[in-house]
C-alpha atoms as a PDB file:
ATOM      1  CA  MET A   1     111.801 114.682 105.085  1.00  0.00           C
ATOM      2  CA  ASN A   2     113.572 111.623 103.823  1.00  0.00           C
ATOM      3  CA  ILE A   3     112.628 109.386 100.637  1.00  0.00           C
ATOM      4  CA  LEU A   4     113.182 105.913  99.068  1.00  0.00           C
ATOM      5  CA  MET A   5     113.328 105.671  95.137  1.00  0.00           C
ATOM      6  CA  ILE A   6     112.988 102.642  93.011  1.00  0.00           C
ATOM      7  CA  GLU A   7     113.138 103.901  89.842  1.00  0.00           C
ATOM      8  CA  ASP A   8     115.744 102.601  86.979  1.00  0.00           C
ATOM      9  CA  ASP A   9     114.838 105.820  84.594  1.00  0.00           C
ATOM     10  CA  LEU A  10     118.444 107.681  84.665  1.00  0.00           C
ATOM     11  CA  ASP A  11     116.149 110.582  83.757  1.00  0.00           C
ATOM     12  CA  LEU A  12     112.955 110.898  85.240  1.00  0.00           C
ATOM     13  CA  GLY A  13     114.956 109.855  88.037  1.00  0.00           C
ATOM     14  CA  ARG A  14     117.527 112.780  88.411  1.00  0.00           C
ATOM     15  CA  GLY A  15     114.436 114.756  87.686  1.00  0.00           C
ATOM     16  CA  VAL A  16     112.659 113.513  90.787  1.00  0.00           C
ATOM     17  CA  VAL A  17     115.975 113.709  92.940  1.00  0.00           C
ATOM     18  CA  ALA A  18     116.412 117.330  91.912  1.00  0.00           C
ATOM     19  CA  ALA A  19     113.093 118.598  92.537  1.00  0.00           C
ATOM     20  CA  LEU A  20     112.974 116.560  96.006  1.00  0.00           C
ATOM     21  CA  LYS A  21     116.148 118.881  97.170  1.00  0.00           C
ATOM     22  CA  ALA A  22     115.128 121.626  95.605  1.00  0.00           C
ATOM     23  CA  GLN A  23     112.012 121.125  98.497  1.00  0.00           C
ATOM     24  CA  ALA A  24     114.600 119.982 101.291  1.00  0.00           C
ATOM     25  CA  ILE A  25     113.430 116.912 100.931  1.00  0.00           C
ATOM     26  CA  GLY A  26     116.421 114.016 101.289  1.00  0.00           C
ATOM     27  CA  CYS A  27     116.485 111.228  98.536  1.00  0.00           C
ATOM     28  CA  GLN A  28     117.816 107.852  98.211  1.00  0.00           C
ATOM     29  CA  TRP A  29     117.863 106.389  95.137  1.00  0.00           C
ATOM     30  CA  ILE A  30     117.913 102.607  94.002  1.00  0.00           C
ATOM     31  CA  ARG A  31     117.737 101.334  90.531  1.00  0.00           C
ATOM     32  CA  ARG A  32     116.695  97.759  91.141  1.00  0.00           C
ATOM     33  CA  VAL A  33     114.501  95.317  93.167  1.00  0.00           C
ATOM     34  CA  ALA A  34     117.729  93.458  94.624  1.00  0.00           C
ATOM     35  CA  GLU A  35     118.952  97.011  96.473  1.00  0.00           C
ATOM     36  CA  ALA A  36     115.479  97.377  97.753  1.00  0.00           C
ATOM     37  CA  PRO A  37     115.864  97.103 101.855  1.00  0.00           C
ATOM     38  CA  ARG A  38     113.348  94.116 103.182  1.00  0.00           C
ATOM     39  CA  SER A  39     112.476  95.793 106.363  1.00  0.00           C
ATOM     40  CA  PHE A  40     112.541  99.370 107.429  1.00  0.00           C
ATOM     41  CA  GLU A  41     113.958  98.624 110.772  1.00  0.00           C
ATOM     42  CA  GLU A  42     117.203 100.026 110.043  1.00  0.00           C
ATOM     43  CA  LEU A  43     116.440 102.321 107.486  1.00  0.00           C
ATOM     44  CA  ALA A  44     114.322 105.563 108.405  1.00  0.00           C
ATOM     45  CA  VAL A  45     112.116 107.289 105.649  1.00  0.00           C
ATOM     46  CA  ASP A  46     109.092 108.946 105.273  1.00  0.00           C
ATOM     47  CA  CYS A  47     107.798 107.513 102.003  1.00  0.00           C
ATOM     48  CA  VAL A  48     108.417 105.134  99.110  1.00  0.00           C
ATOM     49  CA  LEU A  49     108.249 106.017  95.297  1.00  0.00           C
ATOM     50  CA  LEU A  50     108.494 103.211  93.356  1.00  0.00           C
ATOM     51  CA  ASP A  51     108.250 102.463  89.606  1.00  0.00           C
ATOM     52  CA  LEU A  52     106.089  98.662  89.300  1.00  0.00           C
ATOM     53  CA  SER A  53     108.932  97.779  85.755  1.00  0.00           C
ATOM     54  CA  LEU A  54     112.094  97.323  87.282  1.00  0.00           C
ATOM     55  CA  PRO A  55     115.004  95.739  85.177  1.00  0.00           C
ATOM     56  CA  ASP A  56     115.088  92.597  88.116  1.00  0.00           C
ATOM     57  CA  GLY A  57     111.567  92.160  88.878  1.00  0.00           C
ATOM     58  CA  VAL A  58     108.368  93.833  89.677  1.00  0.00           C
ATOM     59  CA  GLY A  59     107.194  96.634  91.741  1.00  0.00           C
ATOM     60  CA  TYR A  60     104.392  94.882  92.804  1.00  0.00           C
ATOM     61  CA  ASP A  61     106.513  91.775  94.292  1.00  0.00           C
ATOM     62  CA  LEU A  62     108.227  94.513  96.710  1.00  0.00           C
ATOM     63  CA  LEU A  63     104.717  95.775  97.677  1.00  0.00           C
ATOM     64  CA  SER A  64     103.319  92.741  98.619  1.00  0.00           C
ATOM     65  CA  ASN A  65     106.429  91.814 100.727  1.00  0.00           C
ATOM     66  CA  TRP A  66     106.665  94.694 102.383  1.00  0.00           C
ATOM     67  CA  ARG A  67     102.824  94.781 103.204  1.00  0.00           C
ATOM     68  CA  ARG A  68     102.948  91.409 104.125  1.00  0.00           C
ATOM     69  CA  ASN A  69     105.569  91.688 106.292  1.00  0.00           C
ATOM     70  CA  LYS A  70     104.010  94.764 108.082  1.00  0.00           C
ATOM     71  CA  VAL A  71     105.639  97.246 106.318  1.00  0.00           C
ATOM     72  CA  THR A  72     103.672 100.854 107.319  1.00  0.00           C
ATOM     73  CA  VAL A  73     105.447 102.898 105.608  1.00  0.00           C
ATOM     74  CA  PRO A  74     103.293 105.509 102.562  1.00  0.00           C
ATOM     75  CA  ILE A  75     104.376 103.895  99.516  1.00  0.00           C
ATOM     76  CA  VAL A  76     103.578 105.962  95.928  1.00  0.00           C
ATOM     77  CA  ILE A  77     103.704 104.047  92.842  1.00  0.00           C
ATOM     78  CA  MET A  78     104.981 105.281  89.604  1.00  0.00           C
ATOM     79  CA  THR A  79     104.437 104.256  86.656  1.00  0.00           C
ATOM     80  CA  ALA A  80     103.495 104.264  82.970  1.00  0.00           C
ATOM     81  CA  ARG A  81     101.062 101.678  83.215  1.00  0.00           C
ATOM     82  CA  SER A  82      97.439 103.737  83.254  1.00  0.00           C
ATOM     83  CA  ARG A  83      95.130 101.326  83.103  1.00  0.00           C
ATOM     84  CA  LEU A  84      92.712 101.322  85.653  1.00  0.00           C
ATOM     85  CA  GLU A  85      93.102  97.173  86.610  1.00  0.00           C
ATOM     86  CA  ASP A  86      97.134  98.301  87.270  1.00  0.00           C
ATOM     87  CA  LYS A  87      95.614 101.241  89.349  1.00  0.00           C
ATOM     88  CA  LEU A  88      93.030  99.055  91.224  1.00  0.00           C
ATOM     89  CA  ALA A  89      95.853  96.277  91.940  1.00  0.00           C
ATOM     90  CA  GLY A  90      98.233  99.024  93.006  1.00  0.00           C
ATOM     91  CA  LEU A  91      95.976 100.108  95.291  1.00  0.00           C
ATOM     92  CA  ASP A  92      94.459  96.953  96.428  1.00  0.00           C
ATOM     93  CA  GLY A  93      98.159  95.587  96.963  1.00  0.00           C
ATOM     94  CA  GLY A  94      98.311  98.193  99.576  1.00  0.00           C
ATOM     95  CA  ALA A  95      99.738 100.867  97.743  1.00  0.00           C
ATOM     96  CA  ASP A  96      98.670 104.414  99.175  1.00  0.00           C
ATOM     97  CA  ASP A  97      98.568 106.289  95.720  1.00  0.00           C
ATOM     98  CA  PHE A  98      99.224 106.101  91.903  1.00  0.00           C
ATOM     99  CA  ILE A  99     100.875 108.801  89.770  1.00  0.00           C
ATOM    100  CA  VAL A 100     100.816 107.949  86.024  1.00  0.00           C
ATOM    101  CA  LYS A 101     104.207 108.970  83.984  1.00  0.00           C
ATOM    102  CA  PRO A 102     105.014 111.427  82.554  1.00  0.00           C
ATOM    103  CA  PHE A 103     103.866 113.599  85.520  1.00  0.00           C
ATOM    104  CA  ALA A 104     104.867 117.143  86.925  1.00  0.00           C
ATOM    105  CA  PRO A 105     107.356 116.962  89.859  1.00  0.00           C
ATOM    106  CA  ALA A 106     105.133 119.554  91.336  1.00  0.00           C
ATOM    107  CA  GLU A 107     101.968 116.739  91.538  1.00  0.00           C
ATOM    108  CA  LEU A 108     104.382 114.084  92.624  1.00  0.00           C
ATOM    109  CA  ILE A 109     105.662 116.311  96.035  1.00  0.00           C
ATOM    110  CA  SER A 110     102.230 117.143  96.184  1.00  0.00           C
ATOM    111  CA  ARG A 111     100.929 113.573  96.535  1.00  0.00           C
ATOM    112  CA  VAL A 112     103.816 112.904  98.447  1.00  0.00           C
ATOM    113  CA  ARG A 113     103.005 115.077 100.820  1.00  0.00           C
ATOM    114  CA  ALA A 114      99.631 114.277 101.392  1.00  0.00           C
ATOM    115  CA  VAL A 115     100.374 110.312 101.954  1.00  0.00           C
ATOM    116  CA  VAL A 116     102.450 111.307 104.568  1.00  0.00           C
ATOM    117  CA  ARG A 117     100.499 113.454 106.430  1.00  0.00           C
ATOM    118  CA  ARG A 118      97.558 110.568 106.724  1.00  0.00           C
ATOM    119  CA  TYR A 119     100.390 108.482 108.212  1.00  0.00           C
ATOM    120  CA  ALA A 120     101.017 111.437 110.555  1.00  0.00           C
ATOM    121  CA  GLN A 121      97.077 111.654 111.040  1.00  0.00           C
ATOM    122  CA  GLN A 122      97.518 115.276 110.360  1.00  0.00           C
ATOM    123  CA  ALA A 123      94.898 117.402 107.227  1.00  0.00           C
ATOM    124  CA  SER A 124      97.104 119.781 106.208  1.00  0.00           C
ATOM    125  CA  GLN A 125     100.928 120.153 106.100  1.00  0.00           C
ATOM    126  CA  THR A 126     100.405 122.567 109.288  1.00  0.00           C
ATOM    127  CA  TRP A 127     101.163 120.044 111.907  1.00  0.00           C
ATOM    128  CA  SER A 128      99.490 121.117 115.327  1.00  0.00           C
ATOM    129  CA  VAL A 129     100.126 119.155 118.874  1.00  0.00           C
ATOM    130  CA  GLY A 130      98.175 120.971 121.269  1.00  0.00           C
ATOM    131  CA  ALA A 131      99.470 124.925 121.220  1.00  0.00           C
ATOM    132  CA  LEU A 132     101.765 123.552 118.994  1.00  0.00           C
ATOM    133  CA  GLU A 133     102.025 124.451 115.306  1.00  0.00           C
ATOM    134  CA  ILE A 134     104.798 123.002 112.890  1.00  0.00           C
ATOM    135  CA  ASP A 135     104.394 124.085 108.922  1.00  0.00           C
ATOM    136  CA  THR A 136     106.446 121.527 107.828  1.00  0.00           C
ATOM    137  CA  ALA A 137     106.815 122.819 104.388  1.00  0.00           C
ATOM    138  CA  ALA A 138     107.964 125.564 105.183  1.00  0.00           C
ATOM    139  CA  HIS A 139     110.096 124.655 108.266  1.00  0.00           C
ATOM    140  CA  ALA A 140     108.637 127.095 110.447  1.00  0.00           C
ATOM    141  CA  VAL A 141     106.999 126.619 113.929  1.00  0.00           C
ATOM    142  CA  ARG A 142     104.756 128.495 116.560  1.00  0.00           C
ATOM    143  CA  LEU A 143     104.066 127.990 119.894  1.00  0.00           C
ATOM    144  CA  ASN A 144     101.176 130.043 121.053  1.00  0.00           C
ATOM    145  CA  GLY A 145     100.661 132.346 117.981  1.00  0.00           C
ATOM    146  CA  GLU A 146     104.266 133.260 118.344  1.00  0.00           C
ATOM    147  CA  ALA A 147     106.884 132.280 116.144  1.00  0.00           C
ATOM    148  CA  ILE A 148     110.229 130.013 117.201  1.00  0.00           C
ATOM    149  CA  ASP A 149     113.471 130.619 115.581  1.00  0.00           C
ATOM    150  CA  LEU A 150     114.709 126.991 115.365  1.00  0.00           C
ATOM    151  CA  THR A 151     117.697 125.338 113.558  1.00  0.00           C
ATOM    152  CA  PRO A 152     117.557 123.122 110.635  1.00  0.00           C
ATOM    153  CA  ARG A 153     118.786 120.055 113.215  1.00  0.00           C
ATOM    154  CA  GLU A 154     115.990 121.448 115.798  1.00  0.00           C
ATOM    155  CA  PHE A 155     113.389 121.614 113.742  1.00  0.00           C
ATOM    156  CA  GLY A 156     114.199 118.048 112.833  1.00  0.00           C
ATOM    157  CA  ILE A 157     114.033 116.621 116.014  1.00  0.00           C
ATOM    158  CA  LEU A 158     111.007 118.575 116.632  1.00  0.00           C
ATOM    159  CA  ARG A 159     108.950 117.435 113.391  1.00  0.00           C
ATOM    160  CA  GLU A 160     110.110 113.672 114.194  1.00  0.00           C
ATOM    161  CA  LEU A 161     108.721 113.793 117.924  1.00  0.00           C
ATOM    162  CA  ALA A 162     105.376 115.615 116.832  1.00  0.00           C
ATOM    163  CA  ARG A 163     104.841 113.111 114.299  1.00  0.00           C
ATOM    164  CA  SER A 164     104.296 110.433 116.963  1.00  0.00           C
ATOM    165  CA  ALA A 165     103.401 113.184 119.867  1.00  0.00           C
ATOM    166  CA  GLY A 166     102.064 110.996 123.138  1.00  0.00           C
ATOM    167  CA  ALA A 167     104.314 108.404 122.290  1.00  0.00           C
ATOM    168  CA  VAL A 168     107.899 107.802 123.703  1.00  0.00           C
ATOM    169  CA  VAL A 169     110.582 107.985 120.408  1.00  0.00           C
ATOM    170  CA  SER A 170     113.911 106.365 121.109  1.00  0.00           C
ATOM    171  CA  LYS A 171     117.064 107.971 121.058  1.00  0.00           C
ATOM    172  CA  ASP A 172     118.140 105.444 118.363  1.00  0.00           C
ATOM    173  CA  VAL A 173     115.369 105.960 116.181  1.00  0.00           C
ATOM    174  CA  LEU A 174     115.514 109.805 116.714  1.00  0.00           C
ATOM    175  CA  ALA A 175     118.894 109.363 115.498  1.00  0.00           C
ATOM    176  CA  LYS A 176     118.237 107.220 112.391  1.00  0.00           C
ATOM    177  CA  ARG A 177     115.322 108.818 111.648  1.00  0.00           C
ATOM    178  CA  LEU A 178     117.470 111.768 111.359  1.00  0.00           C
ATOM    179  CA  SER A 179     120.389 110.463 109.123  1.00  0.00           C
ATOM    180  CA  PRO A 180     118.848 107.852 106.933  1.00  0.00           C
ATOM    181  CA  PHE A 181     120.752 107.449 104.405  1.00  0.00           C
ATOM    182  CA  GLY A 182     124.237 108.117 106.360  1.00  0.00           C
ATOM    183  CA  GLU A 183     125.581 107.324 109.801  1.00  0.00           C
ATOM    184  CA  PRO A 184     123.089 107.756 112.533  1.00  0.00           C
ATOM    185  CA  LEU A 185     123.228 111.079 114.576  1.00  0.00           C
ATOM    186  CA  ASP A 186     125.362 110.845 117.591  1.00  0.00           C
ATOM    187  CA  VAL A 187     122.900 110.271 120.626  1.00  0.00           C
ATOM    188  CA  SER A 188     124.900 113.167 122.570  1.00  0.00           C
ATOM    189  CA  ALA A 189     124.415 115.548 120.160  1.00  0.00           C
ATOM    190  CA  ILE A 190     120.496 114.775 120.352  1.00  0.00           C
ATOM    191  CA  GLU A 191     120.396 115.701 123.671  1.00  0.00           C
ATOM    192  CA  VAL A 192     121.829 118.773 123.139  1.00  0.00           C
ATOM    193  CA  HIS A 193     119.553 119.889 120.196  1.00  0.00           C
ATOM    194  CA  VAL A 194     116.639 118.663 122.715  1.00  0.00           C
ATOM    195  CA  PHE A 195     118.449 120.740 125.555  1.00  0.00           C
ATOM    196  CA  ASN A 196     117.986 123.612 123.209  1.00  0.00           C
ATOM    197  CA  LEU A 197     114.542 122.911 121.684  1.00  0.00           C
ATOM    198  CA  ARG A 198     113.308 123.125 126.007  1.00  0.00           C
ATOM    199  CA  LYS A 199     115.067 126.348 126.420  1.00  0.00           C
ATOM    200  CA  LYS A 200     113.787 127.837 123.379  1.00  0.00           C
ATOM    201  CA  MET A 201     109.931 126.412 124.220  1.00  0.00           C
ATOM    202  CA  GLY A 202     109.608 125.558 127.436  1.00  0.00           C
ATOM    203  CA  ALA A 203     110.698 122.234 129.551  1.00  0.00           C
ATOM    204  CA  GLU A 204     107.314 120.892 129.904  1.00  0.00           C
ATOM    205  CA  LEU A 205     106.759 120.682 126.399  1.00  0.00           C
ATOM    206  CA  ILE A 206     109.091 117.532 125.770  1.00  0.00           C
ATOM    207  CA  LYS A 207     109.611 115.037 128.376  1.00  0.00           C
ATOM    208  CA  THR A 208     112.531 112.751 128.732  1.00  0.00           C
ATOM    209  CA  ILE A 209     111.669 109.181 129.668  1.00  0.00           C
ATOM    210  CA  ARG A 210     114.755 107.868 131.300  1.00  0.00           C
ATOM    211  CA  GLY A 211     116.849 105.010 129.955  1.00  0.00           C
ATOM    212  CA  ILE A 212     114.588 105.332 126.668  1.00  0.00           C
ATOM    213  CA  GLY A 213     113.909 108.921 125.336  1.00  0.00           C
ATOM    214  CA  TYR A 214     111.526 111.743 124.612  1.00  0.00           C
ATOM    215  CA  MET A 215     108.017 112.392 124.585  1.00  0.00           C
ATOM    216  CA  LEU A 216     106.105 115.190 122.628  1.00  0.00           C
ATOM    217  CA  SER A 217     103.322 116.105 125.017  1.00  0.00           C
ATOM    218  CA  PRO A 218     100.376 117.974 124.262  1.00  0.00           C
END
């Protein structure tokens, strides 16, 4: 999982990054509205953590602009504002959740996982696609009840395909999702990892859509 955090408080930001890292969750941290992306076409993230009070603007404006431009990434507002009016403004403005500072890192991570599950249309942290079960927190995979031993990169590819199960995911999109804050993963490397996944799980589970990418078939 990869998170974009927009938060100007240095102590809080460092604490959240450390807590996410301990759970094997990647995080890109920026501190100003001017640094925020206008769209997410070139930046593959699973969730945005958004502070409302930033040095050069207001988080509500970013939220409004993203939703107006059809950005569907889950967004969790982090703020010291605890009034009901502020919560309603955030949720009605398109936020998926709202957490008031100070908060326990464990609660924040739980809320992030919950909104990401809803976005992926899964009811729990264990995603089910036919006979395939993916425990997104434990990085564990079972097929027909049997555990499958995957490398971290293989797990990442399988998780991204499961997020869009039944739909085609292009190789370019996979490359960006697997390395959202750096150089995209080389497409030839993805092909090797998919080959190894098929050896471990059966060739029929991941279909190749020639010239485009892959599809996880239920």
